[in-house]
Amino acid sequence: MKNKVMVFSAPSGAGKTTIVRHLLENFNNLEFSVSATSRAPRGKEEHGKDYYFLSVEEFKQRIANKEFVEYEEVYPGSFYGTLKSEVDRIWAKGNVILFDVDVKGGVNIKKIFGEKAYTVFIQPPSLEVMEQRLRARGTDTDQAIRTRVAKAAQEMTYAPQFDTILVNDKLEDSFAKADKIVEEFTGFRPKNAPRRCRICGAEKECLVCKLFANLFHKK
């Protein structure tokens, strides 16, 4: 199947972005879909790399022009969405699109792309742990964090609508689980995967196959 998409969604603070960055580094044929947003940049975020930063007026105009695959007003006046031009750009290169979107966006993308899409809900071990992660970022006010935690409790009710749920407790374990999910859906091997046996296809070089190959070569 061509033109596949993988979707990773989570409440803010669940560790989604860290896992997505790992996948982009570990798979050659995954390409990040840069979302559009009407919010202001945070920290070192760059236009065209992390997000396409648009004004609220420009975002609404693009909605009117039907330039989005999907979009959502996450908070009043705070829009997020996926531009059709971004999807076309990545598929034209033969790559699989990797979406890093909010929970409602993930559900909408699954409805739009159907079997071409595989959705992953990244869930924190608990809301308490998620709040600790948000505070450790140091990018939001106390009130903003309280609002996000309250919203996360509601967002976690969407988890059953995703193809799989990945509980992000220990990061290294989460990386390994995410690698396996991507490999099974796309058929791509991660860069850090052990070499398969060239004869039987086992996960590691098979000593028996190696022995027979040496014997055959000597003959």
N, C-alpha and C. Protein backbone atom coordinates (compact mmCIF):
# COMPACT_ATOMS: atom_id res chain seq x y z
N MET A 1 0.84 -1.19 0.00
CA MET A 1 0.00 0.00 0.00
C MET A 1 0.88 1.26 0.00
N LYS A 2 0.63 2.15 -0.96
CA LYS A 2 1.38 3.39 -1.03
C LYS A 2 0.68 4.49 -0.24
N ASN A 3 1.38 5.60 -0.09
CA ASN A 3 0.81 6.78 0.56
C ASN A 3 0.29 6.49 1.96
N LYS A 4 1.15 5.95 2.79
CA LYS A 4 0.77 5.66 4.17
C LYS A 4 1.04 6.86 5.07
N VAL A 5 0.31 6.87 6.20
CA VAL A 5 0.55 7.90 7.21
C VAL A 5 0.56 7.25 8.58
N MET A 6 1.41 7.76 9.45
CA MET A 6 1.45 7.33 10.84
C MET A 6 1.14 8.54 11.71
N VAL A 7 0.28 8.32 12.69
CA VAL A 7 -0.20 9.42 13.53
C VAL A 7 0.15 9.15 14.99
N PHE A 8 0.82 10.11 15.60
CA PHE A 8 1.12 10.03 17.03
C PHE A 8 0.43 11.19 17.72
N SER A 9 -0.44 10.87 18.67
CA SER A 9 -1.18 11.88 19.41
C SER A 9 -1.06 11.61 20.90
N ALA A 10 -1.25 12.68 21.69
CA ALA A 10 -1.14 12.54 23.14
C ALA A 10 -1.57 13.82 23.82
N PRO A 11 -1.95 13.74 25.07
CA PRO A 11 -2.12 14.97 25.85
C PRO A 11 -0.76 15.67 25.98
N SER A 12 -0.75 16.97 26.09
CA SER A 12 0.50 17.71 26.24
C SER A 12 1.22 17.26 27.50
N GLY A 13 2.52 16.93 27.34
CA GLY A 13 3.31 16.48 28.47
C GLY A 13 3.45 14.98 28.57
N ALA A 14 2.88 14.25 27.60
CA ALA A 14 2.97 12.78 27.63
C ALA A 14 4.27 12.26 27.02
N GLY A 15 5.06 13.16 26.40
CA GLY A 15 6.33 12.75 25.81
C GLY A 15 6.25 12.43 24.34
N LYS A 16 5.18 12.85 23.69
CA LYS A 16 4.97 12.55 22.27
C LYS A 16 6.08 13.10 21.38
N THR A 17 6.43 14.35 21.58
CA THR A 17 7.42 14.99 20.71
C THR A 17 8.78 14.30 20.80
N THR A 18 9.16 13.87 21.99
CA THR A 18 10.44 13.17 22.17
C THR A 18 10.46 11.85 21.40
N ILE A 19 9.36 11.12 21.44
CA ILE A 19 9.27 9.85 20.73
C ILE A 19 9.26 10.08 19.22
N VAL A 20 8.54 11.10 18.77
CA VAL A 20 8.49 11.40 17.34
C VAL A 20 9.88 11.77 16.82
N ARG A 21 10.63 12.55 17.57
CA ARG A 21 11.98 12.93 17.15
C ARG A 21 12.88 11.70 17.04
N HIS A 22 12.73 10.77 17.98
CA HIS A 22 13.50 9.52 17.92
C HIS A 22 13.18 8.76 16.64
N LEU A 23 11.91 8.65 16.29
CA LEU A 23 11.51 7.91 15.10
C LEU A 23 12.06 8.57 13.83
N LEU A 24 12.02 9.88 13.77
CA LEU A 24 12.53 10.58 12.59
C LEU A 24 14.03 10.37 12.42
N GLU A 25 14.73 10.23 13.53
CA GLU A 25 16.17 9.97 13.47
C GLU A 25 16.48 8.51 13.12
N ASN A 26 15.55 7.61 13.44
CA ASN A 26 15.82 6.18 13.33
C ASN A 26 15.26 5.54 12.07
N PHE A 27 14.44 6.26 11.30
CA PHE A 27 13.85 5.72 10.07
C PHE A 27 14.09 6.70 8.92
N ASN A 28 14.69 6.21 7.84
CA ASN A 28 15.02 7.08 6.70
C ASN A 28 13.80 7.54 5.92
N ASN A 29 12.74 6.71 5.86
CA ASN A 29 11.63 7.01 4.97
C ASN A 29 10.41 7.58 5.69
N LEU A 30 10.59 8.00 6.93
CA LEU A 30 9.55 8.73 7.63
C LEU A 30 9.83 10.22 7.49
N GLU A 31 8.81 10.99 7.23
CA GLU A 31 9.00 12.45 7.14
C GLU A 31 7.93 13.16 7.95
N PHE A 32 8.38 14.10 8.75
CA PHE A 32 7.50 14.84 9.64
C PHE A 32 6.58 15.76 8.87
N SER A 33 5.30 15.68 9.18
CA SER A 33 4.33 16.60 8.61
C SER A 33 4.28 17.85 9.48
N VAL A 34 4.70 18.96 8.93
CA VAL A 34 4.72 20.22 9.68
C VAL A 34 3.30 20.78 9.73
N SER A 35 2.76 20.88 10.93
CA SER A 35 1.41 21.40 11.11
C SER A 35 1.40 22.91 11.05
N ALA A 36 0.24 23.45 10.75
CA ALA A 36 0.05 24.90 10.83
C ALA A 36 -0.62 25.22 12.16
N THR A 37 -0.30 26.36 12.73
CA THR A 37 -0.92 26.78 13.99
C THR A 37 -1.03 28.30 14.04
N SER A 38 -2.00 28.76 14.81
CA SER A 38 -2.16 30.20 14.98
C SER A 38 -1.54 30.69 16.29
N ARG A 39 -0.95 29.78 17.07
CA ARG A 39 -0.32 30.21 18.32
C ARG A 39 1.08 30.77 18.04
N ALA A 40 1.63 31.45 19.03
CA ALA A 40 2.97 32.01 18.91
C ALA A 40 4.03 30.94 19.11
N PRO A 41 5.21 31.10 18.52
CA PRO A 41 6.30 30.13 18.73
C PRO A 41 6.70 30.05 20.19
N ARG A 42 7.14 28.85 20.60
CA ARG A 42 7.64 28.64 21.97
C ARG A 42 9.13 28.34 21.90
N GLY A 43 9.87 28.94 22.80
CA GLY A 43 11.30 28.64 22.88
C GLY A 43 12.01 28.86 21.56
N LYS A 44 12.65 27.80 21.04
CA LYS A 44 13.44 27.90 19.81
C LYS A 44 12.71 27.37 18.59
N GLU A 45 11.40 27.25 18.67
CA GLU A 45 10.63 26.75 17.53
C GLU A 45 10.82 27.65 16.31
N GLU A 46 10.89 27.02 15.13
CA GLU A 46 11.13 27.75 13.89
C GLU A 46 9.97 27.57 12.91
N HIS A 47 9.64 28.63 12.20
CA HIS A 47 8.61 28.58 11.16
C HIS A 47 9.07 27.67 10.02
N GLY A 48 8.20 26.75 9.60
CA GLY A 48 8.52 25.85 8.50
C GLY A 48 9.24 24.60 8.93
N LYS A 49 9.73 24.58 10.16
CA LYS A 49 10.43 23.40 10.67
C LYS A 49 9.61 22.72 11.77
N ASP A 50 9.22 23.49 12.76
CA ASP A 50 8.40 22.95 13.85
C ASP A 50 6.91 23.11 13.54
N TYR A 51 6.56 24.27 13.06
CA TYR A 51 5.18 24.59 12.65
C TYR A 51 5.22 25.64 11.55
N TYR A 52 4.09 25.77 10.85
CA TYR A 52 3.86 26.94 10.01
C TYR A 52 3.05 27.90 10.89
N PHE A 53 3.68 28.96 11.33
CA PHE A 53 3.03 29.89 12.24
C PHE A 53 2.23 30.92 11.43
N LEU A 54 0.91 30.89 11.63
CA LEU A 54 0.01 31.78 10.91
C LEU A 54 -0.74 32.65 11.90
N SER A 55 -1.17 33.80 11.45
CA SER A 55 -2.05 34.62 12.29
C SER A 55 -3.43 33.96 12.30
N VAL A 56 -4.26 34.33 13.26
CA VAL A 56 -5.61 33.79 13.32
C VAL A 56 -6.36 34.13 12.04
N GLU A 57 -6.18 35.35 11.55
CA GLU A 57 -6.88 35.79 10.33
C GLU A 57 -6.43 34.97 9.12
N GLU A 58 -5.12 34.72 9.01
CA GLU A 58 -4.62 33.94 7.88
C GLU A 58 -5.09 32.49 7.98
N PHE A 59 -5.11 31.95 9.19
CA PHE A 59 -5.57 30.57 9.38
C PHE A 59 -7.03 30.45 8.92
N LYS A 60 -7.85 31.38 9.34
CA LYS A 60 -9.28 31.34 8.97
C LYS A 60 -9.46 31.48 7.47
N GLN A 61 -8.62 32.31 6.83
CA GLN A 61 -8.71 32.48 5.38
C GLN A 61 -8.37 31.19 4.66
N ARG A 62 -7.37 30.46 5.17
CA ARG A 62 -7.00 29.18 4.55
C ARG A 62 -8.09 28.12 4.77
N ILE A 63 -8.78 28.22 5.90
CA ILE A 63 -9.93 27.33 6.11
C ILE A 63 -10.98 27.61 5.04
N ALA A 64 -11.25 28.90 4.83
CA ALA A 64 -12.25 29.29 3.83
C ALA A 64 -11.84 28.84 2.43
N ASN A 65 -10.53 28.81 2.17
CA ASN A 65 -10.03 28.38 0.86
C ASN A 65 -9.92 26.86 0.74
N LYS A 66 -10.31 26.14 1.80
CA LYS A 66 -10.28 24.67 1.85
C LYS A 66 -8.87 24.13 1.60
N GLU A 67 -7.88 24.75 2.26
CA GLU A 67 -6.49 24.35 2.10
C GLU A 67 -6.04 23.32 3.13
N PHE A 68 -6.93 22.94 4.06
CA PHE A 68 -6.56 22.01 5.10
C PHE A 68 -7.15 20.62 4.88
N VAL A 69 -6.34 19.60 5.19
CA VAL A 69 -6.86 18.23 5.26
C VAL A 69 -7.76 18.12 6.48
N GLU A 70 -7.26 18.66 7.59
CA GLU A 70 -8.03 18.71 8.84
C GLU A 70 -7.52 19.88 9.66
N TYR A 71 -8.38 20.37 10.56
CA TYR A 71 -7.96 21.44 11.46
C TYR A 71 -8.84 21.38 12.70
N GLU A 72 -8.37 22.02 13.77
CA GLU A 72 -9.12 22.02 15.02
C GLU A 72 -8.81 23.30 15.78
N GLU A 73 -9.84 23.89 16.39
CA GLU A 73 -9.63 25.01 17.30
C GLU A 73 -9.47 24.41 18.69
N VAL A 74 -8.23 24.17 19.09
CA VAL A 74 -7.92 23.45 20.32
C VAL A 74 -8.33 24.26 21.54
N TYR A 75 -7.96 25.55 21.53
CA TYR A 75 -8.40 26.50 22.54
C TYR A 75 -8.99 27.69 21.80
N PRO A 76 -9.81 28.50 22.44
CA PRO A 76 -10.38 29.65 21.74
C PRO A 76 -9.30 30.52 21.09
N GLY A 77 -9.37 30.66 19.77
CA GLY A 77 -8.40 31.45 19.03
C GLY A 77 -7.09 30.75 18.77
N SER A 78 -6.97 29.47 19.16
CA SER A 78 -5.73 28.70 18.96
C SER A 78 -6.01 27.53 18.04
N PHE A 79 -5.66 27.69 16.76
CA PHE A 79 -5.95 26.69 15.74
C PHE A 79 -4.72 25.84 15.42
N TYR A 80 -4.97 24.57 15.09
CA TYR A 80 -3.95 23.67 14.57
C TYR A 80 -4.55 22.94 13.38
N GLY A 81 -3.71 22.63 12.37
CA GLY A 81 -4.24 21.91 11.23
C GLY A 81 -3.15 21.40 10.31
N THR A 82 -3.56 20.55 9.36
CA THR A 82 -2.65 19.95 8.39
C THR A 82 -2.97 20.47 7.00
N LEU A 83 -2.01 21.12 6.37
CA LEU A 83 -2.22 21.66 5.03
C LEU A 83 -2.15 20.56 3.98
N LYS A 84 -3.03 20.63 2.99
CA LYS A 84 -3.03 19.66 1.89
C LYS A 84 -1.69 19.68 1.15
N SER A 85 -1.10 20.84 1.03
CA SER A 85 0.16 20.97 0.31
C SER A 85 1.28 20.20 1.00
N GLU A 86 1.20 20.08 2.33
CA GLU A 86 2.22 19.35 3.09
C GLU A 86 2.12 17.84 2.82
N VAL A 87 0.91 17.33 2.76
CA VAL A 87 0.69 15.91 2.45
C VAL A 87 1.20 15.59 1.05
N ASP A 88 0.84 16.42 0.08
CA ASP A 88 1.27 16.21 -1.30
C ASP A 88 2.79 16.25 -1.43
N ARG A 89 3.42 17.15 -0.70
CA ARG A 89 4.88 17.31 -0.76
C ARG A 89 5.60 16.03 -0.31
N ILE A 90 5.15 15.44 0.78
CA ILE A 90 5.82 14.26 1.33
C ILE A 90 5.54 13.02 0.50
N TRP A 91 4.30 12.81 0.10
CA TRP A 91 3.97 11.64 -0.71
C TRP A 91 4.66 11.67 -2.07
N ALA A 92 4.88 12.85 -2.61
CA ALA A 92 5.56 12.97 -3.91
C ALA A 92 6.98 12.43 -3.83
N LYS A 93 7.56 12.42 -2.64
CA LYS A 93 8.92 11.90 -2.44
C LYS A 93 8.94 10.41 -2.12
N GLY A 94 7.75 9.80 -2.03
CA GLY A 94 7.66 8.38 -1.73
C GLY A 94 7.83 8.05 -0.26
N ASN A 95 7.71 9.03 0.60
CA ASN A 95 7.90 8.82 2.03
C ASN A 95 6.57 8.60 2.76
N VAL A 96 6.67 8.04 3.96
CA VAL A 96 5.51 7.87 4.83
C VAL A 96 5.40 9.12 5.70
N ILE A 97 4.21 9.67 5.80
CA ILE A 97 4.01 10.89 6.58
C ILE A 97 3.91 10.54 8.06
N LEU A 98 4.62 11.29 8.88
CA LEU A 98 4.53 11.13 10.33
C LEU A 98 3.86 12.36 10.91
N PHE A 99 2.66 12.16 11.44
CA PHE A 99 1.90 13.25 12.04
C PHE A 99 2.12 13.29 13.54
N ASP A 100 2.38 14.48 14.04
CA ASP A 100 2.46 14.76 15.47
C ASP A 100 1.36 15.78 15.75
N VAL A 101 0.18 15.26 16.14
CA VAL A 101 -1.00 16.13 16.23
C VAL A 101 -1.73 15.92 17.56
N ASP A 102 -2.67 16.83 17.85
CA ASP A 102 -3.47 16.69 19.06
C ASP A 102 -4.44 15.52 18.90
N VAL A 103 -5.08 15.15 19.98
CA VAL A 103 -5.92 13.95 20.02
C VAL A 103 -7.07 13.99 19.01
N LYS A 104 -7.78 15.10 18.95
CA LYS A 104 -8.90 15.20 18.00
C LYS A 104 -8.38 15.16 16.57
N GLY A 105 -7.21 15.78 16.34
CA GLY A 105 -6.61 15.73 15.01
C GLY A 105 -6.28 14.31 14.61
N GLY A 106 -5.77 13.52 15.56
CA GLY A 106 -5.45 12.13 15.28
C GLY A 106 -6.67 11.32 14.88
N VAL A 107 -7.77 11.52 15.60
CA VAL A 107 -9.03 10.82 15.28
C VAL A 107 -9.53 11.25 13.91
N ASN A 108 -9.45 12.54 13.60
CA ASN A 108 -9.92 13.04 12.30
C ASN A 108 -9.08 12.50 11.15
N ILE A 109 -7.75 12.43 11.35
CA ILE A 109 -6.88 11.92 10.28
C ILE A 109 -7.20 10.46 9.98
N LYS A 110 -7.48 9.68 11.02
CA LYS A 110 -7.84 8.27 10.81
C LYS A 110 -9.11 8.16 9.98
N LYS A 111 -10.08 9.03 10.26
CA LYS A 111 -11.33 9.01 9.50
C LYS A 111 -11.09 9.39 8.03
N ILE A 112 -10.16 10.32 7.81
CA ILE A 112 -9.89 10.79 6.45
C ILE A 112 -9.12 9.77 5.64
N PHE A 113 -8.07 9.17 6.22
CA PHE A 113 -7.17 8.29 5.46
C PHE A 113 -7.49 6.80 5.63
N GLY A 114 -8.33 6.44 6.58
CA GLY A 114 -8.74 5.04 6.73
C GLY A 114 -7.58 4.08 6.94
N GLU A 115 -7.55 3.02 6.12
CA GLU A 115 -6.54 1.97 6.27
C GLU A 115 -5.13 2.46 5.93
N LYS A 116 -5.01 3.59 5.26
CA LYS A 116 -3.69 4.14 4.96
C LYS A 116 -3.02 4.71 6.21
N ALA A 117 -3.81 4.90 7.26
CA ALA A 117 -3.30 5.53 8.48
C ALA A 117 -3.24 4.53 9.63
N TYR A 118 -2.19 4.66 10.44
CA TYR A 118 -2.08 3.90 11.69
C TYR A 118 -1.87 4.90 12.81
N THR A 119 -2.76 4.86 13.81
CA THR A 119 -2.76 5.87 14.85
C THR A 119 -2.27 5.31 16.19
N VAL A 120 -1.44 6.10 16.85
CA VAL A 120 -0.86 5.71 18.13
C VAL A 120 -1.17 6.79 19.17
N PHE A 121 -1.78 6.36 20.27
CA PHE A 121 -2.06 7.28 21.37
C PHE A 121 -0.99 7.08 22.44
N ILE A 122 -0.19 8.13 22.68
CA ILE A 122 0.86 8.06 23.70
C ILE A 122 0.28 8.57 25.01
N GLN A 123 0.28 7.70 26.00
CA GLN A 123 -0.37 8.00 27.26
C GLN A 123 0.64 8.10 28.40
N PRO A 124 0.55 9.14 29.22
CA PRO A 124 1.45 9.23 30.37
C PRO A 124 1.08 8.18 31.41
N PRO A 125 2.01 7.80 32.28
CA PRO A 125 1.70 6.82 33.32
C PRO A 125 0.54 7.28 34.21
N SER A 126 0.45 8.61 34.41
CA SER A 126 -0.62 9.19 35.22
C SER A 126 -0.69 10.69 34.94
N LEU A 127 -1.77 11.31 35.35
CA LEU A 127 -1.90 12.76 35.18
C LEU A 127 -0.90 13.49 36.07
N GLU A 128 -0.56 12.91 37.21
CA GLU A 128 0.41 13.52 38.10
C GLU A 128 1.79 13.60 37.45
N VAL A 129 2.19 12.52 36.78
CA VAL A 129 3.47 12.49 36.08
C VAL A 129 3.46 13.49 34.92
N MET A 130 2.35 13.56 34.23
CA MET A 130 2.24 14.50 33.12
C MET A 130 2.41 15.94 33.60
N GLU A 131 1.78 16.28 34.74
CA GLU A 131 1.90 17.63 35.28
C GLU A 131 3.35 17.94 35.65
N GLN A 132 4.05 16.96 36.22
CA GLN A 132 5.46 17.14 36.57
C GLN A 132 6.30 17.44 35.32
N ARG A 133 6.00 16.74 34.23
CA ARG A 133 6.74 16.96 32.97
C ARG A 133 6.48 18.36 32.43
N LEU A 134 5.24 18.80 32.49
CA LEU A 134 4.91 20.15 32.01
C LEU A 134 5.63 21.22 32.82
N ARG A 135 5.69 21.04 34.12
CA ARG A 135 6.36 22.02 34.97
C ARG A 135 7.87 22.02 34.72
N ALA A 136 8.41 20.84 34.40
CA ALA A 136 9.85 20.74 34.13
C ALA A 136 10.23 21.47 32.84
N ARG A 137 9.30 21.59 31.91
CA ARG A 137 9.58 22.32 30.66
C ARG A 137 9.92 23.78 30.93
N GLY A 138 9.17 24.38 31.84
CA GLY A 138 9.39 25.79 32.16
C GLY A 138 8.93 26.74 31.09
N THR A 139 7.99 26.31 30.22
CA THR A 139 7.54 27.17 29.12
C THR A 139 6.13 27.71 29.33
N ASP A 140 5.40 27.21 30.33
CA ASP A 140 4.02 27.62 30.54
C ASP A 140 3.81 28.17 31.95
N THR A 141 2.82 29.03 32.09
CA THR A 141 2.47 29.56 33.40
C THR A 141 1.75 28.50 34.22
N ASP A 142 1.64 28.75 35.52
CA ASP A 142 0.94 27.80 36.39
C ASP A 142 -0.49 27.60 35.95
N GLN A 143 -1.16 28.67 35.57
CA GLN A 143 -2.55 28.57 35.13
C GLN A 143 -2.65 27.78 33.83
N ALA A 144 -1.70 28.00 32.92
CA ALA A 144 -1.71 27.27 31.65
C ALA A 144 -1.52 25.77 31.90
N ILE A 145 -0.67 25.43 32.84
CA ILE A 145 -0.44 24.01 33.16
C ILE A 145 -1.70 23.39 33.74
N ARG A 146 -2.37 24.11 34.63
CA ARG A 146 -3.61 23.60 35.21
C ARG A 146 -4.66 23.36 34.13
N THR A 147 -4.71 24.28 33.17
CA THR A 147 -5.66 24.14 32.07
C THR A 147 -5.32 22.91 31.22
N ARG A 148 -4.04 22.70 30.95
CA ARG A 148 -3.61 21.55 30.14
C ARG A 148 -3.89 20.22 30.85
N VAL A 149 -3.67 20.18 32.14
CA VAL A 149 -3.91 18.94 32.90
C VAL A 149 -5.41 18.60 32.88
N ALA A 150 -6.24 19.62 33.06
CA ALA A 150 -7.68 19.40 33.03
C ALA A 150 -8.12 18.91 31.65
N LYS A 151 -7.53 19.51 30.62
CA LYS A 151 -7.87 19.11 29.25
C LYS A 151 -7.37 17.69 28.97
N ALA A 152 -6.20 17.35 29.51
CA ALA A 152 -5.62 16.01 29.29
C ALA A 152 -6.53 14.91 29.83
N ALA A 153 -7.15 15.17 30.97
CA ALA A 153 -8.07 14.19 31.56
C ALA A 153 -9.20 13.87 30.59
N GLN A 154 -9.66 14.89 29.88
CA GLN A 154 -10.73 14.68 28.89
C GLN A 154 -10.18 14.02 27.63
N GLU A 155 -8.97 14.43 27.21
CA GLU A 155 -8.37 13.88 26.00
C GLU A 155 -8.09 12.38 26.11
N MET A 156 -7.76 11.92 27.30
CA MET A 156 -7.43 10.51 27.49
C MET A 156 -8.63 9.60 27.26
N THR A 157 -9.84 10.16 27.24
CA THR A 157 -11.02 9.35 26.93
C THR A 157 -11.06 8.96 25.45
N TYR A 158 -10.22 9.61 24.62
CA TYR A 158 -10.18 9.31 23.19
C TYR A 158 -9.28 8.11 22.88
N ALA A 159 -8.50 7.68 23.84
CA ALA A 159 -7.51 6.62 23.61
C ALA A 159 -8.07 5.38 22.91
N PRO A 160 -9.25 4.87 23.29
CA PRO A 160 -9.77 3.65 22.62
C PRO A 160 -10.04 3.81 21.13
N GLN A 161 -10.09 5.06 20.63
CA GLN A 161 -10.35 5.27 19.21
C GLN A 161 -9.09 5.14 18.35
N PHE A 162 -7.94 4.94 19.01
CA PHE A 162 -6.67 4.80 18.29
C PHE A 162 -6.34 3.33 18.06
N ASP A 163 -5.49 3.07 17.06
CA ASP A 163 -5.13 1.69 16.72
C ASP A 163 -4.35 1.01 17.85
N THR A 164 -3.54 1.78 18.55
CA THR A 164 -2.79 1.22 19.67
C THR A 164 -2.51 2.31 20.70
N ILE A 165 -2.30 1.88 21.95
CA ILE A 165 -1.96 2.80 23.04
C ILE A 165 -0.57 2.47 23.53
N LEU A 166 0.29 3.47 23.59
CA LEU A 166 1.66 3.31 24.06
C LEU A 166 1.81 4.12 25.36
N VAL A 167 1.97 3.41 26.48
CA VAL A 167 2.15 4.09 27.77
C VAL A 167 3.62 4.48 27.90
N ASN A 168 3.87 5.78 27.96
CA ASN A 168 5.24 6.28 28.00
C ASN A 168 5.71 6.41 29.45
N ASP A 169 6.23 5.31 29.99
CA ASP A 169 6.75 5.31 31.35
C ASP A 169 8.27 5.47 31.32
N LYS A 170 8.96 4.42 30.87
CA LYS A 170 10.41 4.48 30.70
C LYS A 170 10.70 4.78 29.23
N LEU A 171 11.44 5.85 28.99
CA LEU A 171 11.62 6.36 27.64
C LEU A 171 12.26 5.36 26.69
N GLU A 172 13.31 4.67 27.12
CA GLU A 172 13.98 3.71 26.25
C GLU A 172 13.04 2.59 25.83
N ASP A 173 12.19 2.13 26.75
CA ASP A 173 11.20 1.10 26.41
C ASP A 173 10.19 1.64 25.41
N SER A 174 9.81 2.89 25.59
CA SER A 174 8.86 3.52 24.67
C SER A 174 9.45 3.66 23.28
N PHE A 175 10.75 4.00 23.19
CA PHE A 175 11.42 4.07 21.90
C PHE A 175 11.35 2.72 21.18
N ALA A 176 11.66 1.65 21.90
CA ALA A 176 11.67 0.31 21.31
C ALA A 176 10.27 -0.08 20.83
N LYS A 177 9.26 0.22 21.63
CA LYS A 177 7.87 -0.10 21.25
C LYS A 177 7.46 0.69 20.01
N ALA A 178 7.82 1.97 19.99
CA ALA A 178 7.47 2.81 18.84
C ALA A 178 8.17 2.33 17.58
N ASP A 179 9.44 1.93 17.69
CA ASP A 179 10.17 1.38 16.54
C ASP A 179 9.45 0.17 15.96
N LYS A 180 9.00 -0.71 16.84
CA LYS A 180 8.33 -1.94 16.40
C LYS A 180 7.01 -1.63 15.71
N ILE A 181 6.27 -0.66 16.25
CA ILE A 181 4.99 -0.27 15.65
C ILE A 181 5.21 0.25 14.23
N VAL A 182 6.20 1.13 14.06
CA VAL A 182 6.48 1.71 12.75
C VAL A 182 6.95 0.64 11.78
N GLU A 183 7.84 -0.24 12.21
CA GLU A 183 8.36 -1.29 11.33
C GLU A 183 7.25 -2.21 10.85
N GLU A 184 6.34 -2.59 11.75
CA GLU A 184 5.27 -3.51 11.37
C GLU A 184 4.29 -2.89 10.39
N PHE A 185 4.03 -1.58 10.52
CA PHE A 185 3.06 -0.94 9.62
C PHE A 185 3.68 -0.54 8.29
N THR A 186 4.91 -0.06 8.31
CA THR A 186 5.53 0.47 7.08
C THR A 186 6.42 -0.54 6.37
N GLY A 187 6.94 -1.52 7.11
CA GLY A 187 7.91 -2.45 6.53
C GLY A 187 9.32 -1.91 6.54
N PHE A 188 9.52 -0.69 7.04
CA PHE A 188 10.86 -0.10 7.11
C PHE A 188 11.60 -0.64 8.33
N ARG A 189 12.92 -0.87 8.17
CA ARG A 189 13.76 -1.29 9.29
C ARG A 189 14.39 -0.07 9.94
N PRO A 190 14.37 0.00 11.27
CA PRO A 190 15.04 1.12 11.94
C PRO A 190 16.55 1.04 11.78
N LYS A 191 17.21 2.18 11.83
CA LYS A 191 18.66 2.21 11.65
C LYS A 191 19.39 1.42 12.72
N ASN A 192 18.84 1.38 13.93
CA ASN A 192 19.52 0.70 15.03
C ASN A 192 19.15 -0.77 15.16
N ALA A 193 18.41 -1.31 14.18
CA ALA A 193 18.00 -2.72 14.25
C ALA A 193 19.20 -3.63 13.95
N PRO A 194 19.26 -4.80 14.60
CA PRO A 194 20.34 -5.74 14.29
C PRO A 194 20.21 -6.27 12.87
N ARG A 195 21.31 -6.64 12.26
CA ARG A 195 21.29 -7.17 10.90
C ARG A 195 20.55 -8.50 10.86
N ARG A 196 19.69 -8.68 9.87
CA ARG A 196 18.98 -9.95 9.70
C ARG A 196 19.91 -10.98 9.06
N CYS A 197 19.65 -12.24 9.33
CA CYS A 197 20.37 -13.31 8.65
C CYS A 197 20.04 -13.26 7.16
N ARG A 198 21.04 -13.25 6.31
CA ARG A 198 20.83 -13.12 4.87
C ARG A 198 20.17 -14.34 4.26
N ILE A 199 20.15 -15.48 4.99
CA ILE A 199 19.62 -16.72 4.44
C ILE A 199 18.19 -16.99 4.93
N CYS A 200 18.01 -17.00 6.25
CA CYS A 200 16.70 -17.37 6.79
C CYS A 200 15.87 -16.17 7.23
N GLY A 201 16.49 -14.96 7.29
CA GLY A 201 15.76 -13.76 7.66
C GLY A 201 15.56 -13.56 9.14
N ALA A 202 16.24 -14.35 9.98
CA ALA A 202 16.13 -14.21 11.43
C ALA A 202 16.62 -12.84 11.86
N GLU A 203 16.18 -12.41 13.07
CA GLU A 203 16.52 -11.08 13.56
C GLU A 203 18.02 -10.86 13.72
N LYS A 204 18.77 -11.90 13.93
CA LYS A 204 20.22 -11.77 14.02
C LYS A 204 20.86 -12.86 13.16
N GLU A 205 22.14 -12.70 12.87
CA GLU A 205 22.81 -13.65 11.98
C GLU A 205 22.74 -15.06 12.58
N CYS A 206 22.23 -15.98 11.80
CA CYS A 206 22.03 -17.35 12.26
C CYS A 206 23.33 -18.14 12.10
N LEU A 207 23.82 -18.72 13.19
CA LEU A 207 25.09 -19.44 13.14
C LEU A 207 25.00 -20.70 12.28
N VAL A 208 23.85 -21.36 12.31
CA VAL A 208 23.66 -22.56 11.49
C VAL A 208 23.71 -22.21 10.01
N CYS A 209 22.99 -21.14 9.64
CA CYS A 209 22.98 -20.70 8.24
C CYS A 209 24.38 -20.27 7.81
N LYS A 210 25.09 -19.62 8.71
CA LYS A 210 26.45 -19.17 8.41
C LYS A 210 27.36 -20.36 8.16
N LEU A 211 27.19 -21.43 8.96
CA LEU A 211 27.99 -22.65 8.81
C LEU A 211 27.74 -23.29 7.46
N PHE A 212 26.45 -23.44 7.09
CA PHE A 212 26.12 -24.04 5.80
C PHE A 212 26.61 -23.18 4.64
N ALA A 213 26.53 -21.88 4.79
CA ALA A 213 27.00 -20.98 3.74
C ALA A 213 28.51 -21.13 3.54
N ASN A 214 29.24 -21.28 4.63
CA ASN A 214 30.70 -21.47 4.54
C ASN A 214 31.04 -22.79 3.88
N LEU A 215 30.29 -23.85 4.24
CA LEU A 215 30.53 -25.16 3.64
C LEU A 215 30.26 -25.14 2.14
N PHE A 216 29.15 -24.45 1.77
CA PHE A 216 28.79 -24.37 0.35
C PHE A 216 29.84 -23.59 -0.42
N HIS A 217 30.34 -22.52 0.20
CA HIS A 217 31.35 -21.69 -0.46
C HIS A 217 32.66 -22.46 -0.69
N LYS A 218 33.02 -23.31 0.30
CA LYS A 218 34.26 -24.11 0.16
C LYS A 218 34.15 -25.09 -0.98
N LYS A 219 32.94 -25.62 -1.22
CA LYS A 219 32.77 -26.57 -2.30
C LYS A 219 32.88 -25.88 -3.65
